[in-house]
Amino acid sequence: MSQEIEAKVRELIKEVVELTVPIEEVGIEDDLMNLGMNSINSIKVIVAIEGEFGFEFDDEDLNFENFRNIRKLVSYIESRMQK
């Protein structure tokens, strides 16, 4: 499941954020903020994830630390899908 979620997250990021490197070259732990993601892009990614996976982020989880890298995004999505 994680690989499928990671692939979808990468696809969504590619659709809404123009990073400084191709998404295929972004490591799972690479800091997305250092690669061109900003607060507005983060909101776009959140909205895209909510639409794709069918849940809304909890207000208390809307913290940029939760979106710093692909691993954190995948972990958050997995935890939400288990609820």
N, C-alpha and C. Protein backbone atom coordinates (compact mmCIF):
# COMPACT_ATOMS: atom_id res chain seq x y z
N MET A 1 0.83 -1.21 0.00
CA MET A 1 0.00 0.00 0.00
C MET A 1 0.87 1.27 0.00
N SER A 2 1.94 1.28 0.79
CA SER A 2 2.78 2.46 0.88
C SER A 2 3.33 2.90 -0.47
N GLN A 3 3.74 1.93 -1.29
CA GLN A 3 4.30 2.29 -2.59
C GLN A 3 3.23 2.91 -3.49
N GLU A 4 2.01 2.40 -3.40
CA GLU A 4 0.92 2.97 -4.19
C GLU A 4 0.63 4.39 -3.72
N ILE A 5 0.60 4.59 -2.41
CA ILE A 5 0.34 5.93 -1.87
C ILE A 5 1.47 6.86 -2.25
N GLU A 6 2.70 6.40 -2.12
CA GLU A 6 3.85 7.24 -2.49
C GLU A 6 3.77 7.64 -3.96
N ALA A 7 3.46 6.71 -4.83
CA ALA A 7 3.36 7.01 -6.26
C ALA A 7 2.28 8.06 -6.51
N LYS A 8 1.15 7.93 -5.84
CA LYS A 8 0.05 8.89 -6.02
C LYS A 8 0.44 10.26 -5.47
N VAL A 9 1.12 10.29 -4.31
CA VAL A 9 1.56 11.56 -3.72
C VAL A 9 2.54 12.25 -4.67
N ARG A 10 3.46 11.49 -5.22
CA ARG A 10 4.41 12.07 -6.18
C ARG A 10 3.67 12.66 -7.39
N GLU A 11 2.69 11.93 -7.88
CA GLU A 11 1.90 12.39 -9.03
C GLU A 11 1.17 13.69 -8.69
N LEU A 12 0.56 13.74 -7.50
CA LEU A 12 -0.16 14.94 -7.09
C LEU A 12 0.77 16.13 -6.92
N ILE A 13 1.92 15.90 -6.31
CA ILE A 13 2.90 16.98 -6.14
C ILE A 13 3.33 17.50 -7.51
N LYS A 14 3.60 16.58 -8.41
CA LYS A 14 4.04 16.97 -9.76
C LYS A 14 2.99 17.83 -10.46
N GLU A 15 1.71 17.52 -10.21
CA GLU A 15 0.62 18.26 -10.85
C GLU A 15 0.47 19.68 -10.31
N VAL A 16 0.77 19.90 -9.02
CA VAL A 16 0.44 21.21 -8.42
C VAL A 16 1.65 22.03 -7.99
N VAL A 17 2.84 21.45 -7.98
CA VAL A 17 4.02 22.18 -7.51
C VAL A 17 5.12 22.09 -8.56
N GLU A 18 5.75 23.22 -8.82
CA GLU A 18 6.90 23.22 -9.72
C GLU A 18 8.16 23.21 -8.85
N LEU A 19 8.70 22.01 -8.64
CA LEU A 19 9.90 21.86 -7.82
C LEU A 19 11.14 22.20 -8.64
N THR A 20 12.25 22.39 -7.94
CA THR A 20 13.50 22.73 -8.62
C THR A 20 14.15 21.52 -9.29
N VAL A 21 13.68 20.32 -8.96
CA VAL A 21 14.16 19.08 -9.58
C VAL A 21 12.95 18.24 -9.98
N PRO A 22 13.09 17.34 -10.94
CA PRO A 22 11.97 16.47 -11.29
C PRO A 22 11.55 15.62 -10.10
N ILE A 23 10.26 15.38 -9.96
CA ILE A 23 9.72 14.63 -8.82
C ILE A 23 10.35 13.24 -8.74
N GLU A 24 10.74 12.67 -9.87
CA GLU A 24 11.35 11.35 -9.88
C GLU A 24 12.71 11.34 -9.17
N GLU A 25 13.34 12.51 -9.07
CA GLU A 25 14.65 12.61 -8.43
C GLU A 25 14.55 12.98 -6.94
N VAL A 26 13.34 13.24 -6.48
CA VAL A 26 13.15 13.64 -5.08
C VAL A 26 13.16 12.39 -4.21
N GLY A 27 14.07 12.37 -3.23
CA GLY A 27 14.11 11.26 -2.29
C GLY A 27 12.95 11.34 -1.31
N ILE A 28 12.60 10.21 -0.73
CA ILE A 28 11.44 10.16 0.16
C ILE A 28 11.63 11.03 1.41
N GLU A 29 12.88 11.29 1.78
CA GLU A 29 13.19 12.11 2.96
C GLU A 29 13.62 13.53 2.60
N ASP A 30 13.73 13.85 1.31
CA ASP A 30 14.16 15.19 0.91
C ASP A 30 13.17 16.24 1.37
N ASP A 31 13.70 17.36 1.83
CA ASP A 31 12.87 18.45 2.32
C ASP A 31 12.23 19.17 1.14
N LEU A 32 10.92 19.04 1.00
CA LEU A 32 10.21 19.63 -0.13
C LEU A 32 10.29 21.16 -0.11
N MET A 33 10.38 21.75 1.07
CA MET A 33 10.46 23.20 1.17
C MET A 33 11.77 23.70 0.55
N ASN A 34 12.83 22.92 0.64
CA ASN A 34 14.11 23.29 0.04
C ASN A 34 14.11 23.08 -1.47
N LEU A 35 13.10 22.38 -1.97
CA LEU A 35 13.02 22.07 -3.40
C LEU A 35 11.99 22.92 -4.13
N GLY A 36 11.46 23.94 -3.45
CA GLY A 36 10.55 24.85 -4.12
C GLY A 36 9.12 24.86 -3.63
N MET A 37 8.78 23.99 -2.69
CA MET A 37 7.40 24.01 -2.16
C MET A 37 7.30 25.16 -1.16
N ASN A 38 6.17 25.85 -1.21
CA ASN A 38 5.93 26.94 -0.26
C ASN A 38 4.54 26.74 0.35
N SER A 39 4.11 27.71 1.15
CA SER A 39 2.84 27.55 1.87
C SER A 39 1.66 27.44 0.91
N ILE A 40 1.66 28.19 -0.16
CA ILE A 40 0.54 28.12 -1.11
C ILE A 40 0.53 26.76 -1.80
N ASN A 41 1.72 26.29 -2.20
CA ASN A 41 1.80 24.96 -2.82
C ASN A 41 1.36 23.88 -1.85
N SER A 42 1.70 24.05 -0.58
CA SER A 42 1.31 23.07 0.43
C SER A 42 -0.21 22.95 0.50
N ILE A 43 -0.89 24.08 0.43
CA ILE A 43 -2.36 24.07 0.46
C ILE A 43 -2.89 23.34 -0.77
N LYS A 44 -2.28 23.58 -1.92
CA LYS A 44 -2.71 22.89 -3.14
C LYS A 44 -2.52 21.38 -3.01
N VAL A 45 -1.39 20.97 -2.41
CA VAL A 45 -1.13 19.55 -2.21
C VAL A 45 -2.15 18.96 -1.25
N ILE A 46 -2.45 19.68 -0.18
CA ILE A 46 -3.45 19.22 0.81
C ILE A 46 -4.80 19.00 0.12
N VAL A 47 -5.24 19.97 -0.65
CA VAL A 47 -6.53 19.87 -1.34
C VAL A 47 -6.51 18.69 -2.31
N ALA A 48 -5.41 18.51 -3.03
CA ALA A 48 -5.30 17.40 -3.98
C ALA A 48 -5.35 16.06 -3.25
N ILE A 49 -4.65 15.95 -2.12
CA ILE A 49 -4.65 14.71 -1.34
C ILE A 49 -6.04 14.43 -0.80
N GLU A 50 -6.69 15.46 -0.27
CA GLU A 50 -8.05 15.27 0.26
C GLU A 50 -8.98 14.75 -0.82
N GLY A 51 -8.89 15.31 -2.02
CA GLY A 51 -9.75 14.88 -3.11
C GLY A 51 -9.43 13.47 -3.58
N GLU A 52 -8.16 13.14 -3.63
CA GLU A 52 -7.73 11.83 -4.12
C GLU A 52 -8.05 10.71 -3.14
N PHE A 53 -7.83 10.97 -1.84
CA PHE A 53 -7.96 9.91 -0.85
C PHE A 53 -9.26 9.97 -0.05
N GLY A 54 -10.07 11.01 -0.26
CA GLY A 54 -11.40 11.05 0.32
C GLY A 54 -11.48 11.35 1.80
N PHE A 55 -10.59 12.17 2.31
CA PHE A 55 -10.68 12.60 3.71
C PHE A 55 -10.21 14.04 3.80
N GLU A 56 -10.53 14.69 4.92
CA GLU A 56 -10.06 16.04 5.17
C GLU A 56 -8.99 16.01 6.25
N PHE A 57 -7.98 16.83 6.08
CA PHE A 57 -6.94 16.95 7.10
C PHE A 57 -7.57 17.55 8.35
N ASP A 58 -7.22 17.03 9.51
CA ASP A 58 -7.66 17.63 10.77
C ASP A 58 -6.93 18.95 10.95
N ASP A 59 -7.64 19.96 11.49
CA ASP A 59 -7.04 21.28 11.68
C ASP A 59 -5.73 21.21 12.43
N GLU A 60 -5.67 20.37 13.47
CA GLU A 60 -4.45 20.30 14.28
C GLU A 60 -3.28 19.66 13.51
N ASP A 61 -3.58 19.02 12.39
CA ASP A 61 -2.52 18.41 11.58
C ASP A 61 -2.02 19.32 10.47
N LEU A 62 -2.62 20.49 10.33
CA LEU A 62 -2.19 21.43 9.29
C LEU A 62 -0.95 22.18 9.76
N ASN A 63 0.14 21.46 9.84
CA ASN A 63 1.41 21.95 10.31
C ASN A 63 2.43 21.62 9.23
N PHE A 64 3.23 22.58 8.82
CA PHE A 64 4.16 22.34 7.72
C PHE A 64 5.11 21.20 7.99
N GLU A 65 5.37 20.89 9.24
CA GLU A 65 6.25 19.76 9.56
C GLU A 65 5.66 18.45 9.03
N ASN A 66 4.34 18.37 8.95
CA ASN A 66 3.69 17.16 8.43
C ASN A 66 3.83 17.01 6.92
N PHE A 67 4.33 18.04 6.25
CA PHE A 67 4.40 18.03 4.79
C PHE A 67 5.82 18.25 4.28
N ARG A 68 6.79 18.16 5.16
CA ARG A 68 8.17 18.49 4.77
C ARG A 68 8.76 17.51 3.77
N ASN A 69 8.31 16.26 3.81
CA ASN A 69 8.85 15.30 2.85
C ASN A 69 7.77 14.27 2.48
N ILE A 70 8.08 13.51 1.49
CA ILE A 70 7.11 12.53 0.97
C ILE A 70 6.80 11.47 2.01
N ARG A 71 7.80 11.04 2.78
CA ARG A 71 7.57 10.01 3.81
C ARG A 71 6.52 10.48 4.82
N LYS A 72 6.61 11.73 5.25
CA LYS A 72 5.65 12.24 6.24
C LYS A 72 4.24 12.30 5.64
N LEU A 73 4.14 12.70 4.40
CA LEU A 73 2.83 12.74 3.74
C LEU A 73 2.24 11.33 3.63
N VAL A 74 3.04 10.37 3.22
CA VAL A 74 2.58 8.99 3.07
C VAL A 74 2.14 8.45 4.43
N SER A 75 2.93 8.69 5.47
CA SER A 75 2.59 8.20 6.81
C SER A 75 1.27 8.80 7.29
N TYR A 76 1.08 10.10 7.03
CA TYR A 76 -0.17 10.74 7.45
C TYR A 76 -1.35 10.13 6.72
N ILE A 77 -1.22 9.96 5.42
CA ILE A 77 -2.32 9.38 4.63
C ILE A 77 -2.63 7.98 5.12
N GLU A 78 -1.60 7.16 5.35
CA GLU A 78 -1.83 5.81 5.85
C GLU A 78 -2.56 5.82 7.19
N SER A 79 -2.16 6.72 8.07
CA SER A 79 -2.84 6.77 9.40
C SER A 79 -4.30 7.17 9.25
N ARG A 80 -4.59 8.08 8.34
CA ARG A 80 -5.98 8.52 8.13
C ARG A 80 -6.82 7.41 7.48
N MET A 81 -6.22 6.64 6.61
CA MET A 81 -6.96 5.59 5.92
C MET A 81 -7.25 4.41 6.83
N GLN A 82 -6.51 4.29 7.92
CA GLN A 82 -6.75 3.19 8.87
C GLN A 82 -7.86 3.51 9.84
N LYS A 83 -8.28 4.78 9.90
CA LYS A 83 -9.35 5.17 10.84
C LYS A 83 -10.69 4.69 10.33
